[in-house]
Amino acid sequence: MVLSGQNKLEIATGFLKNGAYHYISKNSFAFEKAVAILRQLYYGINKSREKKKDKLFSRLLLGLIALLIIISLFIANIYARM
Protein backbone atom coordinates (compact mmCIF):
# COMPACT_ATOMS: atom_id res chain seq x y z
CA MET A 1 0.00 0.00 0.00
CA VAL A 2 1.43 3.35 -1.02
CA LEU A 3 0.47 6.68 0.53
CA SER A 4 1.65 9.60 -1.59
CA GLY A 5 1.15 13.32 -1.95
CA GLN A 6 1.17 12.90 -5.74
CA ASN A 7 -2.17 12.92 -7.51
CA LYS A 8 -0.82 11.90 -10.91
CA LEU A 9 -2.24 8.82 -12.58
CA GLU A 10 1.13 7.85 -14.10
CA ILE A 11 2.74 7.65 -10.68
CA ALA A 12 -0.10 5.58 -9.26
CA THR A 13 -0.05 3.12 -12.16
CA GLY A 14 3.74 2.82 -11.85
CA PHE A 15 3.46 1.83 -8.22
CA LEU A 16 0.65 -0.63 -8.94
CA LYS A 17 2.58 -2.22 -11.80
CA ASN A 18 5.54 -2.69 -9.47
CA GLY A 19 3.55 -4.60 -6.89
CA ALA A 20 1.76 -2.08 -4.70
CA TYR A 21 -1.56 -3.42 -3.46
CA HIS A 22 -3.21 -0.02 -3.37
CA TYR A 23 -2.32 3.63 -4.04
CA ILE A 24 -3.74 6.33 -1.78
CA SER A 25 -3.36 10.05 -2.40
CA LYS A 26 -2.88 12.15 0.71
CA ASN A 27 -6.07 14.09 1.32
CA SER A 28 -8.68 14.45 4.03
CA PHE A 29 -9.95 10.88 3.36
CA ALA A 30 -6.56 9.15 3.18
CA PHE A 31 -6.67 7.81 6.74
CA GLU A 32 -10.15 6.35 6.30
CA LYS A 33 -9.14 4.75 2.99
CA ALA A 34 -6.03 3.22 4.55
CA VAL A 35 -8.03 1.80 7.46
CA ALA A 36 -10.63 0.34 5.09
CA ILE A 37 -7.93 -1.31 2.95
CA LEU A 38 -6.16 -2.74 5.98
CA ARG A 39 -9.46 -4.16 7.21
CA GLN A 40 -10.06 -5.80 3.82
CA LEU A 41 -6.57 -7.32 3.92
CA TYR A 42 -7.03 -8.53 7.49
CA TYR A 43 -10.39 -10.17 6.78
CA GLY A 44 -9.08 -11.68 3.54
CA ILE A 45 -6.13 -13.24 5.37
CA ASN A 46 -8.39 -14.57 8.10
CA LYS A 47 -10.77 -16.05 5.52
CA SER A 48 -7.94 -17.92 3.83
CA ARG A 49 -6.76 -19.22 7.21
CA GLU A 50 -10.30 -20.37 8.00
CA LYS A 51 -10.47 -22.20 4.66
CA LYS A 52 -7.17 -23.94 5.38
CA LYS A 53 -8.41 -25.01 8.81
CA ASP A 54 -11.65 -26.31 7.28
CA LYS A 55 -9.72 -28.24 4.65
CA LEU A 56 -7.45 -29.78 7.28
CA PHE A 57 -10.44 -30.73 9.45
CA SER A 58 -12.16 -32.37 6.46
CA ARG A 59 -9.07 -34.40 5.64
CA LEU A 60 -8.67 -35.52 9.23
CA LEU A 61 -12.33 -36.48 9.42
CA LEU A 62 -12.12 -38.50 6.19
CA GLY A 63 -8.98 -40.21 7.46
CA LEU A 64 -10.71 -41.11 10.71
CA ILE A 65 -13.72 -42.51 8.85
CA ALA A 66 -11.43 -44.58 6.61
CA LEU A 67 -9.59 -45.89 9.66
CA LEU A 68 -12.84 -46.87 11.35
CA ILE A 69 -13.97 -48.71 8.21
CA ILE A 70 -10.69 -50.62 8.02
CA ILE A 71 -10.90 -51.55 11.71
CA SER A 72 -14.51 -52.72 11.39
CA LEU A 73 -13.64 -54.83 8.32
CA PHE A 74 -10.72 -56.35 10.21
CA ILE A 75 -12.93 -57.20 13.20
CA ALA A 76 -15.63 -58.62 10.89
CA ASN A 77 -12.98 -60.79 9.22
CA ILE A 78 -11.83 -62.14 12.61
CA TYR A 79 -15.39 -63.02 13.67
CA ALA A 80 -16.06 -64.65 10.30
CA ARG A 81 -13.17 -67.09 10.87
CA MET A 82 -14.49 -68.19 14.28
C-alpha atoms as a PDB file:
ATOM      1  CA  MET A   1       0.000   0.000   0.000  1.00  0.00           C
ATOM      2  CA  VAL A   2       1.433   3.347  -1.021  1.00  0.00           C
ATOM      3  CA  LEU A   3       0.474   6.679   0.532  1.00  0.00           C
ATOM      4  CA  SER A   4       1.649   9.600  -1.586  1.00  0.00           C
ATOM      5  CA  GLY A   5       1.149  13.320  -1.953  1.00  0.00           C
ATOM      6  CA  GLN A   6       1.169  12.904  -5.743  1.00  0.00           C
ATOM      7  CA  ASN A   7      -2.170  12.917  -7.508  1.00  0.00           C
ATOM      8  CA  LYS A   8      -0.817  11.899 -10.910  1.00  0.00           C
ATOM      9  CA  LEU A   9      -2.241   8.815 -12.578  1.00  0.00           C
ATOM     10  CA  GLU A  10       1.132   7.849 -14.100  1.00  0.00           C
ATOM     11  CA  ILE A  11       2.740   7.651 -10.682  1.00  0.00           C
ATOM     12  CA  ALA A  12      -0.102   5.579  -9.257  1.00  0.00           C
ATOM     13  CA  THR A  13      -0.052   3.116 -12.162  1.00  0.00           C
ATOM     14  CA  GLY A  14       3.736   2.823 -11.850  1.00  0.00           C
ATOM     15  CA  PHE A  15       3.465   1.826  -8.216  1.00  0.00           C
ATOM     16  CA  LEU A  16       0.648  -0.630  -8.942  1.00  0.00           C
ATOM     17  CA  LYS A  17       2.578  -2.224 -11.805  1.00  0.00           C
ATOM     18  CA  ASN A  18       5.545  -2.690  -9.474  1.00  0.00           C
ATOM     19  CA  GLY A  19       3.546  -4.602  -6.894  1.00  0.00           C
ATOM     20  CA  ALA A  20       1.757  -2.077  -4.700  1.00  0.00           C
ATOM     21  CA  TYR A  21      -1.556  -3.421  -3.461  1.00  0.00           C
ATOM     22  CA  HIS A  22      -3.210  -0.020  -3.374  1.00  0.00           C
ATOM     23  CA  TYR A  23      -2.320   3.627  -4.036  1.00  0.00           C
ATOM     24  CA  ILE A  24      -3.740   6.331  -1.781  1.00  0.00           C
ATOM     25  CA  SER A  25      -3.355  10.047  -2.403  1.00  0.00           C
ATOM     26  CA  LYS A  26      -2.884  12.151   0.706  1.00  0.00           C
ATOM     27  CA  ASN A  27      -6.071  14.093   1.325  1.00  0.00           C
ATOM     28  CA  SER A  28      -8.682  14.449   4.034  1.00  0.00           C
ATOM     29  CA  PHE A  29      -9.945  10.883   3.361  1.00  0.00           C
ATOM     30  CA  ALA A  30      -6.561   9.147   3.180  1.00  0.00           C
ATOM     31  CA  PHE A  31      -6.669   7.806   6.737  1.00  0.00           C
ATOM     32  CA  GLU A  32     -10.155   6.352   6.299  1.00  0.00           C
ATOM     33  CA  LYS A  33      -9.139   4.749   2.994  1.00  0.00           C
ATOM     34  CA  ALA A  34      -6.032   3.219   4.554  1.00  0.00           C
ATOM     35  CA  VAL A  35      -8.029   1.796   7.463  1.00  0.00           C
ATOM     36  CA  ALA A  36     -10.627   0.337   5.085  1.00  0.00           C
ATOM     37  CA  ILE A  37      -7.932  -1.305   2.946  1.00  0.00           C
ATOM     38  CA  LEU A  38      -6.156  -2.737   5.979  1.00  0.00           C
ATOM     39  CA  ARG A  39      -9.455  -4.164   7.215  1.00  0.00           C
ATOM     40  CA  GLN A  40     -10.056  -5.799   3.824  1.00  0.00           C
ATOM     41  CA  LEU A  41      -6.572  -7.319   3.920  1.00  0.00           C
ATOM     42  CA  TYR A  42      -7.031  -8.530   7.490  1.00  0.00           C
ATOM     43  CA  TYR A  43     -10.390 -10.171   6.783  1.00  0.00           C
ATOM     44  CA  GLY A  44      -9.082 -11.677   3.539  1.00  0.00           C
ATOM     45  CA  ILE A  45      -6.126 -13.235   5.369  1.00  0.00           C
ATOM     46  CA  ASN A  46      -8.393 -14.568   8.099  1.00  0.00           C
ATOM     47  CA  LYS A  47     -10.770 -16.053   5.521  1.00  0.00           C
ATOM     48  CA  SER A  48      -7.943 -17.916   3.827  1.00  0.00           C
ATOM     49  CA  ARG A  49      -6.758 -19.217   7.213  1.00  0.00           C
ATOM     50  CA  GLU A  50     -10.296 -20.375   7.996  1.00  0.00           C
ATOM     51  CA  LYS A  51     -10.473 -22.201   4.655  1.00  0.00           C
ATOM     52  CA  LYS A  52      -7.166 -23.937   5.377  1.00  0.00           C
ATOM     53  CA  LYS A  53      -8.412 -25.007   8.806  1.00  0.00           C
ATOM     54  CA  ASP A  54     -11.653 -26.306   7.284  1.00  0.00           C
ATOM     55  CA  LYS A  55      -9.723 -28.236   4.647  1.00  0.00           C
ATOM     56  CA  LEU A  56      -7.453 -29.779   7.278  1.00  0.00           C
ATOM     57  CA  PHE A  57     -10.441 -30.732   9.452  1.00  0.00           C
ATOM     58  CA  SER A  58     -12.163 -32.365   6.460  1.00  0.00           C
ATOM     59  CA  ARG A  59      -9.072 -34.397   5.644  1.00  0.00           C
ATOM     60  CA  LEU A  60      -8.666 -35.522   9.227  1.00  0.00           C
ATOM     61  CA  LEU A  61     -12.331 -36.485   9.422  1.00  0.00           C
ATOM     62  CA  LEU A  62     -12.119 -38.498   6.194  1.00  0.00           C
ATOM     63  CA  GLY A  63      -8.977 -40.212   7.464  1.00  0.00           C
ATOM     64  CA  LEU A  64     -10.707 -41.114  10.715  1.00  0.00           C
ATOM     65  CA  ILE A  65     -13.715 -42.508   8.852  1.00  0.00           C
ATOM     66  CA  ALA A  66     -11.432 -44.576   6.613  1.00  0.00           C
ATOM     67  CA  LEU A  67      -9.586 -45.891   9.662  1.00  0.00           C
ATOM     68  CA  LEU A  68     -12.839 -46.874  11.350  1.00  0.00           C
ATOM     69  CA  ILE A  69     -13.975 -48.706   8.207  1.00  0.00           C
ATOM     70  CA  ILE A  70     -10.692 -50.621   8.025  1.00  0.00           C
ATOM     71  CA  ILE A  71     -10.898 -51.552  11.707  1.00  0.00           C
ATOM     72  CA  SER A  72     -14.505 -52.716  11.387  1.00  0.00           C
ATOM     73  CA  LEU A  73     -13.639 -54.827   8.321  1.00  0.00           C
ATOM     74  CA  PHE A  74     -10.718 -56.353  10.207  1.00  0.00           C
ATOM     75  CA  ILE A  75     -12.935 -57.204  13.198  1.00  0.00           C
ATOM     76  CA  ALA A  76     -15.632 -58.619  10.891  1.00  0.00           C
ATOM     77  CA  ASN A  77     -12.981 -60.789   9.224  1.00  0.00           C
ATOM     78  CA  ILE A  78     -11.826 -62.137  12.605  1.00  0.00           C
ATOM     79  CA  TYR A  79     -15.385 -63.019  13.669  1.00  0.00           C
ATOM     80  CA  ALA A  80     -16.064 -64.655  10.301  1.00  0.00           C
ATOM     81  CA  ARG A  81     -13.171 -67.090  10.874  1.00  0.00           C
ATOM     82  CA  MET A  82     -14.489 -68.187  14.278  1.00  0.00           C
END
